[in-house]
Structures are given as structure tokens and as C-alpha cells.
Amino acid sequence: MGTRVSGKGFMAVAVLAIMVMFASVIPLSAGVNNNHTWVKAGWKDGPVELPGTLDEIASLPLPRGNYAVSAKLWLWNDTGQIRLSNCKLSLGGSWDWVHEEVPAIQHEAISLQVVGRITGPGKAVLECFDQGAGEVTANWIKITAVKASRLRNVPLD
């Protein structure tokens, strides 16, 4: 036979369940750093013409902290020849690099990832260049930063 909960008892259980459910998303105090993980993301649909030398095509402003940052974009080559393109994602002194041959009249998807710490306000920066100088465009650019209280970047086995 089941236990019957009175109206007051049911209400207390419901309030407790709601408090537990939202405890991880409601800060205890506005002035206290609770080391919550959070995500900031940005997008730029494009097309963005790649410059002839390495230069910023998109960035995501961030407050100081530890971050895992990823960027995704696709490069479109509107010419009849293969074009070499390069992109770099950086955060502070950390960076990732990709060198891509984009086939004639086709696109190539690119993804980059970097982890690092910035000690003051800064930004995650996506830079690219087209060795064909202006014949490749970047499209559907996304940059996502995940802030963490601690970060460890280690060599893989």
C-alpha cells in the first residue's frame, strides 16, 4: 500500500524538487564566483573574402579565464583551379592551424580547436588567408568558447 502525502507535504516535496533542479543554475550570490561552466558562441554567415596575407576574419570577445574554443567554417573556391588556404584560431598564446587545398568550384569544411587562458579581457581570433589572393571565401563561420574553472592540456598517448 502506498503512502499518502497531505497537501502541505506535497507542496514541500514539490518546492524541494524545484530547488534541487535549479540549484546548479541559480548563483548563490551575484558577487561570488561559483566557477560555473558557461558557453559563449558567435556566428558570421559570410561570405567573407579571404585576404592575401594572414588577417582576422572573425573574433569572439571573452572575459579573462580558462577556455576550450572551437571554430568551424567552410571555404568556397569559385575559380577553376585548386587554391591553397590557411586558417589559424588563437586564444592568448595558444593556437591551432590548418592548411587546406580547396578544389576548383568546390568547398571544404574546416574545424579548429584551441585551449588556453587569458589573464584579462581578450578574444578568440580566427585568421585566414588565401594564397590565390581573394579567390576563396569563408562561409557559415562559428566560434564557440566554453569557460571552465580549471583546464588541463596534455599530450595524447
C-alpha atoms as a PDB file:
ATOM      1  CA  MET A   1       0.000   0.000   0.000  1.00  0.00           C
ATOM      2  CA  GLY A   2       1.386   3.445  -0.921  1.00  0.00           C
ATOM      3  CA  THR A   3       1.977   6.384   1.371  1.00  0.00           C
ATOM      4  CA  ARG A   4      -0.395   9.292   1.025  1.00  0.00           C
ATOM      5  CA  VAL A   5       1.114  12.811   1.140  1.00  0.00           C
ATOM      6  CA  SER A   6      -1.004  15.628   2.539  1.00  0.00           C
ATOM      7  CA  GLY A   7      -1.426  18.920   0.677  1.00  0.00           C
ATOM      8  CA  LYS A   8       1.271  20.648   2.770  1.00  0.00           C
ATOM      9  CA  GLY A   9       3.603  17.662   2.478  1.00  0.00           C
ATOM     10  CA  PHE A  10       3.131  17.513  -1.296  1.00  0.00           C
ATOM     11  CA  MET A  11       3.868  21.227  -1.586  1.00  0.00           C
ATOM     12  CA  ALA A  12       7.060  20.868   0.490  1.00  0.00           C
ATOM     13  CA  VAL A  13       8.260  17.978  -1.691  1.00  0.00           C
ATOM     14  CA  ALA A  14       7.471  19.943  -4.883  1.00  0.00           C
ATOM     15  CA  VAL A  15       9.342  23.048  -3.651  1.00  0.00           C
ATOM     16  CA  LEU A  16      12.336  20.914  -2.624  1.00  0.00           C
ATOM     17  CA  ALA A  17      12.390  19.224  -6.057  1.00  0.00           C
ATOM     18  CA  ILE A  18      12.330  22.604  -7.816  1.00  0.00           C
ATOM     19  CA  MET A  19      15.147  23.918  -5.578  1.00  0.00           C
ATOM     20  CA  VAL A  20      17.313  20.892  -6.343  1.00  0.00           C
ATOM     21  CA  MET A  21      16.566  21.126 -10.060  1.00  0.00           C
ATOM     22  CA  PHE A  22      17.600  24.795 -10.294  1.00  0.00           C
ATOM     23  CA  ALA A  23      20.398  24.800  -7.685  1.00  0.00           C
ATOM     24  CA  SER A  24      23.119  24.486 -10.332  1.00  0.00           C
ATOM     25  CA  VAL A  25      21.869  27.401 -12.435  1.00  0.00           C
ATOM     26  CA  ILE A  26      20.959  29.977  -9.764  1.00  0.00           C
ATOM     27  CA  PRO A  27      24.063  31.730  -8.388  1.00  0.00           C
ATOM     28  CA  LEU A  28      24.287  31.850  -4.590  1.00  0.00           C
ATOM     29  CA  SER A  29      25.345  35.481  -4.719  1.00  0.00           C
ATOM     30  CA  ALA A  30      25.926  37.930  -7.540  1.00  0.00           C
ATOM     31  CA  GLY A  31      29.327  38.848  -6.066  1.00  0.00           C
ATOM     32  CA  VAL A  32      30.620  35.292  -5.566  1.00  0.00           C
ATOM     33  CA  ASN A  33      32.459  33.385  -8.302  1.00  0.00           C
ATOM     34  CA  ASN A  34      30.818  29.961  -8.263  1.00  0.00           C
ATOM     35  CA  ASN A  35      33.129  28.657 -11.032  1.00  0.00           C
ATOM     36  CA  HIS A  36      30.200  27.715 -13.235  1.00  0.00           C
ATOM     37  CA  THR A  37      30.985  26.463 -16.700  1.00  0.00           C
ATOM     38  CA  TRP A  38      29.386  28.641 -19.373  1.00  0.00           C
ATOM     39  CA  VAL A  39      29.346  28.889 -23.145  1.00  0.00           C
ATOM     40  CA  LYS A  40      29.608  31.886 -25.445  1.00  0.00           C
ATOM     41  CA  ALA A  41      29.178  31.471 -29.184  1.00  0.00           C
ATOM     42  CA  GLY A  42      29.155  33.736 -32.199  1.00  0.00           C
ATOM     43  CA  TRP A  43      28.473  33.417 -35.920  1.00  0.00           C
ATOM     44  CA  LYS A  44      29.152  35.187 -39.191  1.00  0.00           C
ATOM     45  CA  ASP A  45      27.362  33.782 -42.236  1.00  0.00           C
ATOM     46  CA  GLY A  46      29.573  35.420 -44.864  1.00  0.00           C
ATOM     47  CA  PRO A  47      30.735  35.236 -47.490  1.00  0.00           C
ATOM     48  CA  VAL A  48      33.952  36.755 -46.154  1.00  0.00           C
ATOM     49  CA  GLU A  49      36.676  37.136 -48.775  1.00  0.00           C
ATOM     50  CA  LEU A  50      39.953  35.700 -47.514  1.00  0.00           C
ATOM     51  CA  PRO A  51      42.821  38.200 -47.625  1.00  0.00           C
ATOM     52  CA  GLY A  52      46.130  37.564 -49.415  1.00  0.00           C
ATOM     53  CA  THR A  53      48.038  37.522 -46.085  1.00  0.00           C
ATOM     54  CA  LEU A  54      47.057  36.206 -42.650  1.00  0.00           C
ATOM     55  CA  ASP A  55      44.426  38.536 -41.188  1.00  0.00           C
ATOM     56  CA  GLU A  56      41.442  38.388 -38.819  1.00  0.00           C
ATOM     57  CA  ILE A  57      38.151  37.342 -40.408  1.00  0.00           C
ATOM     58  CA  ALA A  58      36.151  36.804 -37.175  1.00  0.00           C
ATOM     59  CA  SER A  59      36.611  37.058 -33.404  1.00  0.00           C
ATOM     60  CA  LEU A  60      34.721  36.358 -30.184  1.00  0.00           C
ATOM     61  CA  PRO A  61      35.319  38.771 -27.249  1.00  0.00           C
ATOM     62  CA  LEU A  62      35.820  36.991 -23.905  1.00  0.00           C
ATOM     63  CA  PRO A  63      36.457  37.936 -20.280  1.00  0.00           C
ATOM     64  CA  ARG A  64      39.535  36.569 -18.512  1.00  0.00           C
ATOM     65  CA  GLY A  65      39.519  32.856 -17.779  1.00  0.00           C
ATOM     66  CA  ASN A  66      40.243  29.320 -18.994  1.00  0.00           C
ATOM     67  CA  TYR A  67      38.665  28.304 -22.280  1.00  0.00           C
ATOM     68  CA  ALA A  68      38.217  25.491 -24.752  1.00  0.00           C
ATOM     69  CA  VAL A  69      37.469  27.222 -28.060  1.00  0.00           C
ATOM     70  CA  SER A  70      36.382  25.688 -31.349  1.00  0.00           C
ATOM     71  CA  ALA A  71      35.791  27.256 -34.742  1.00  0.00           C
ATOM     72  CA  LYS A  72      34.020  25.864 -37.788  1.00  0.00           C
ATOM     73  CA  LEU A  73      33.708  27.300 -41.285  1.00  0.00           C
ATOM     74  CA  TRP A  74      33.620  26.230 -44.874  1.00  0.00           C
ATOM     75  CA  LEU A  75      35.740  27.659 -47.633  1.00  0.00           C
ATOM     76  CA  TRP A  76      34.329  28.170 -51.136  1.00  0.00           C
ATOM     77  CA  ASN A  77      36.616  28.260 -54.178  1.00  0.00           C
ATOM     78  CA  ASP A  78      34.857  29.969 -57.064  1.00  0.00           C
ATOM     79  CA  THR A  79      37.742  29.502 -59.528  1.00  0.00           C
ATOM     80  CA  GLY A  80      38.668  26.786 -61.998  1.00  0.00           C
ATOM     81  CA  GLN A  81      41.907  25.986 -60.105  1.00  0.00           C
ATOM     82  CA  ILE A  82      42.889  24.449 -56.761  1.00  0.00           C
ATOM     83  CA  ARG A  83      43.515  27.180 -54.163  1.00  0.00           C
ATOM     84  CA  LEU A  84      45.623  26.849 -51.027  1.00  0.00           C
ATOM     85  CA  SER A  85      44.083  28.429 -47.943  1.00  0.00           C
ATOM     86  CA  ASN A  86      45.263  28.604 -44.353  1.00  0.00           C
ATOM     87  CA  CYS A  87      43.395  29.413 -41.133  1.00  0.00           C
ATOM     88  CA  LYS A  88      44.550  29.949 -37.555  1.00  0.00           C
ATOM     89  CA  LEU A  89      42.459  30.004 -34.370  1.00  0.00           C
ATOM     90  CA  SER A  90      44.178  31.646 -31.415  1.00  0.00           C
ATOM     91  CA  LEU A  91      43.468  32.465 -27.797  1.00  0.00           C
ATOM     92  CA  GLY A  92      46.239  34.289 -25.967  1.00  0.00           C
ATOM     93  CA  GLY A  93      49.444  32.379 -26.712  1.00  0.00           C
ATOM     94  CA  SER A  94      47.676  29.156 -27.774  1.00  0.00           C
ATOM     95  CA  TRP A  95      46.733  28.429 -31.382  1.00  0.00           C
ATOM     96  CA  ASP A  96      45.670  25.819 -33.923  1.00  0.00           C
ATOM     97  CA  TRP A  97      46.449  25.893 -37.649  1.00  0.00           C
ATOM     98  CA  VAL A  98      45.027  24.267 -40.766  1.00  0.00           C
ATOM     99  CA  HIS A  99      46.359  24.265 -44.342  1.00  0.00           C
ATOM    100  CA  GLU A 100      43.718  23.288 -46.896  1.00  0.00           C
ATOM    101  CA  GLU A 101      43.661  22.706 -50.642  1.00  0.00           C
ATOM    102  CA  VAL A 102      40.249  23.823 -51.848  1.00  0.00           C
ATOM    103  CA  PRO A 103      39.307  22.095 -55.128  1.00  0.00           C
ATOM    104  CA  ALA A 104      38.076  24.129 -58.117  1.00  0.00           C
ATOM    105  CA  ILE A 105      34.430  25.203 -57.863  1.00  0.00           C
ATOM    106  CA  GLN A 106      34.006  23.348 -54.554  1.00  0.00           C
ATOM    107  CA  HIS A 107      34.030  23.880 -50.820  1.00  0.00           C
ATOM    108  CA  GLU A 108      35.965  22.371 -47.922  1.00  0.00           C
ATOM    109  CA  ALA A 109      34.882  22.282 -44.283  1.00  0.00           C
ATOM    110  CA  ILE A 110      37.435  23.390 -41.705  1.00  0.00           C
ATOM    111  CA  SER A 111      37.435  22.981 -37.932  1.00  0.00           C
ATOM    112  CA  LEU A 112      39.968  24.203 -35.397  1.00  0.00           C
ATOM    113  CA  GLN A 113      40.283  23.875 -31.629  1.00  0.00           C
ATOM    114  CA  VAL A 114      42.404  25.586 -29.010  1.00  0.00           C
ATOM    115  CA  VAL A 115      42.557  25.591 -25.219  1.00  0.00           C
ATOM    116  CA  GLY A 116      44.141  28.303 -23.165  1.00  0.00           C
ATOM    117  CA  ARG A 117      43.928  31.016 -20.557  1.00  0.00           C
ATOM    118  CA  ILE A 118      43.581  34.747 -20.956  1.00  0.00           C
ATOM    119  CA  THR A 119      44.517  36.878 -17.950  1.00  0.00           C
ATOM    120  CA  GLY A 120      42.390  39.880 -18.885  1.00  0.00           C
ATOM    121  CA  PRO A 121      39.651  40.705 -21.349  1.00  0.00           C
ATOM    122  CA  GLY A 122      40.604  39.297 -24.745  1.00  0.00           C
ATOM    123  CA  LYS A 123      39.205  37.427 -27.681  1.00  0.00           C
ATOM    124  CA  ALA A 124      39.366  34.197 -29.616  1.00  0.00           C
ATOM    125  CA  VAL A 125      40.595  35.163 -33.084  1.00  0.00           C
ATOM    126  CA  LEU A 126      40.078  33.362 -36.395  1.00  0.00           C
ATOM    127  CA  GLU A 127      42.570  34.464 -39.035  1.00  0.00           C
ATOM    128  CA  CYS A 128      42.835  33.143 -42.587  1.00  0.00           C
ATOM    129  CA  PHE A 129      44.488  33.832 -45.910  1.00  0.00           C
ATOM    130  CA  ASP A 130      44.113  32.687 -49.486  1.00  0.00           C
ATOM    131  CA  GLN A 131      47.311  32.121 -51.413  1.00  0.00           C
ATOM    132  CA  GLY A 132      45.275  32.845 -54.543  1.00  0.00           C
ATOM    133  CA  ALA A 133      44.545  36.299 -53.035  1.00  0.00           C
ATOM    134  CA  GLY A 134      40.826  36.895 -52.801  1.00  0.00           C
ATOM    135  CA  GLU A 135      39.501  33.909 -54.748  1.00  0.00           C
ATOM    136  CA  VAL A 136      38.294  31.895 -51.741  1.00  0.00           C
ATOM    137  CA  THR A 137      35.546  32.941 -49.326  1.00  0.00           C
ATOM    138  CA  ALA A 138      34.727  31.811 -45.781  1.00  0.00           C
ATOM    139  CA  ASN A 139      31.107  30.972 -45.040  1.00  0.00           C
ATOM    140  CA  TRP A 140      28.980  29.904 -42.068  1.00  0.00           C
ATOM    141  CA  ILE A 141      31.697  30.805 -39.542  1.00  0.00           C
ATOM    142  CA  LYS A 142      31.028  29.698 -35.969  1.00  0.00           C
ATOM    143  CA  ILE A 143      33.240  30.253 -32.907  1.00  0.00           C
ATOM    144  CA  THR A 144      32.277  28.651 -29.583  1.00  0.00           C
ATOM    145  CA  ALA A 145      34.081  29.179 -26.269  1.00  0.00           C
ATOM    146  CA  VAL A 146      33.477  27.038 -23.193  1.00  0.00           C
ATOM    147  CA  LYS A 147      34.756  28.643 -19.981  1.00  0.00           C
ATOM    148  CA  ALA A 148      35.925  26.295 -17.250  1.00  0.00           C
ATOM    149  CA  SER A 149      37.191  26.808 -13.710  1.00  0.00           C
ATOM    150  CA  ARG A 150      40.163  24.538 -14.452  1.00  0.00           C
ATOM    151  CA  LEU A 151      41.866  23.499 -17.653  1.00  0.00           C
ATOM    152  CA  ARG A 152      44.488  20.901 -18.479  1.00  0.00           C
ATOM    153  CA  ASN A 153      46.034  20.393 -21.926  1.00  0.00           C
ATOM    154  CA  VAL A 154      48.190  17.260 -22.176  1.00  0.00           C
ATOM    155  CA  PRO A 155      49.983  15.317 -24.941  1.00  0.00           C
ATOM    156  CA  LEU A 156      47.999  12.359 -26.311  1.00  0.00           C
ATOM    157  CA  ASP A 157      49.204   8.768 -25.938  1.00  0.00           C
END
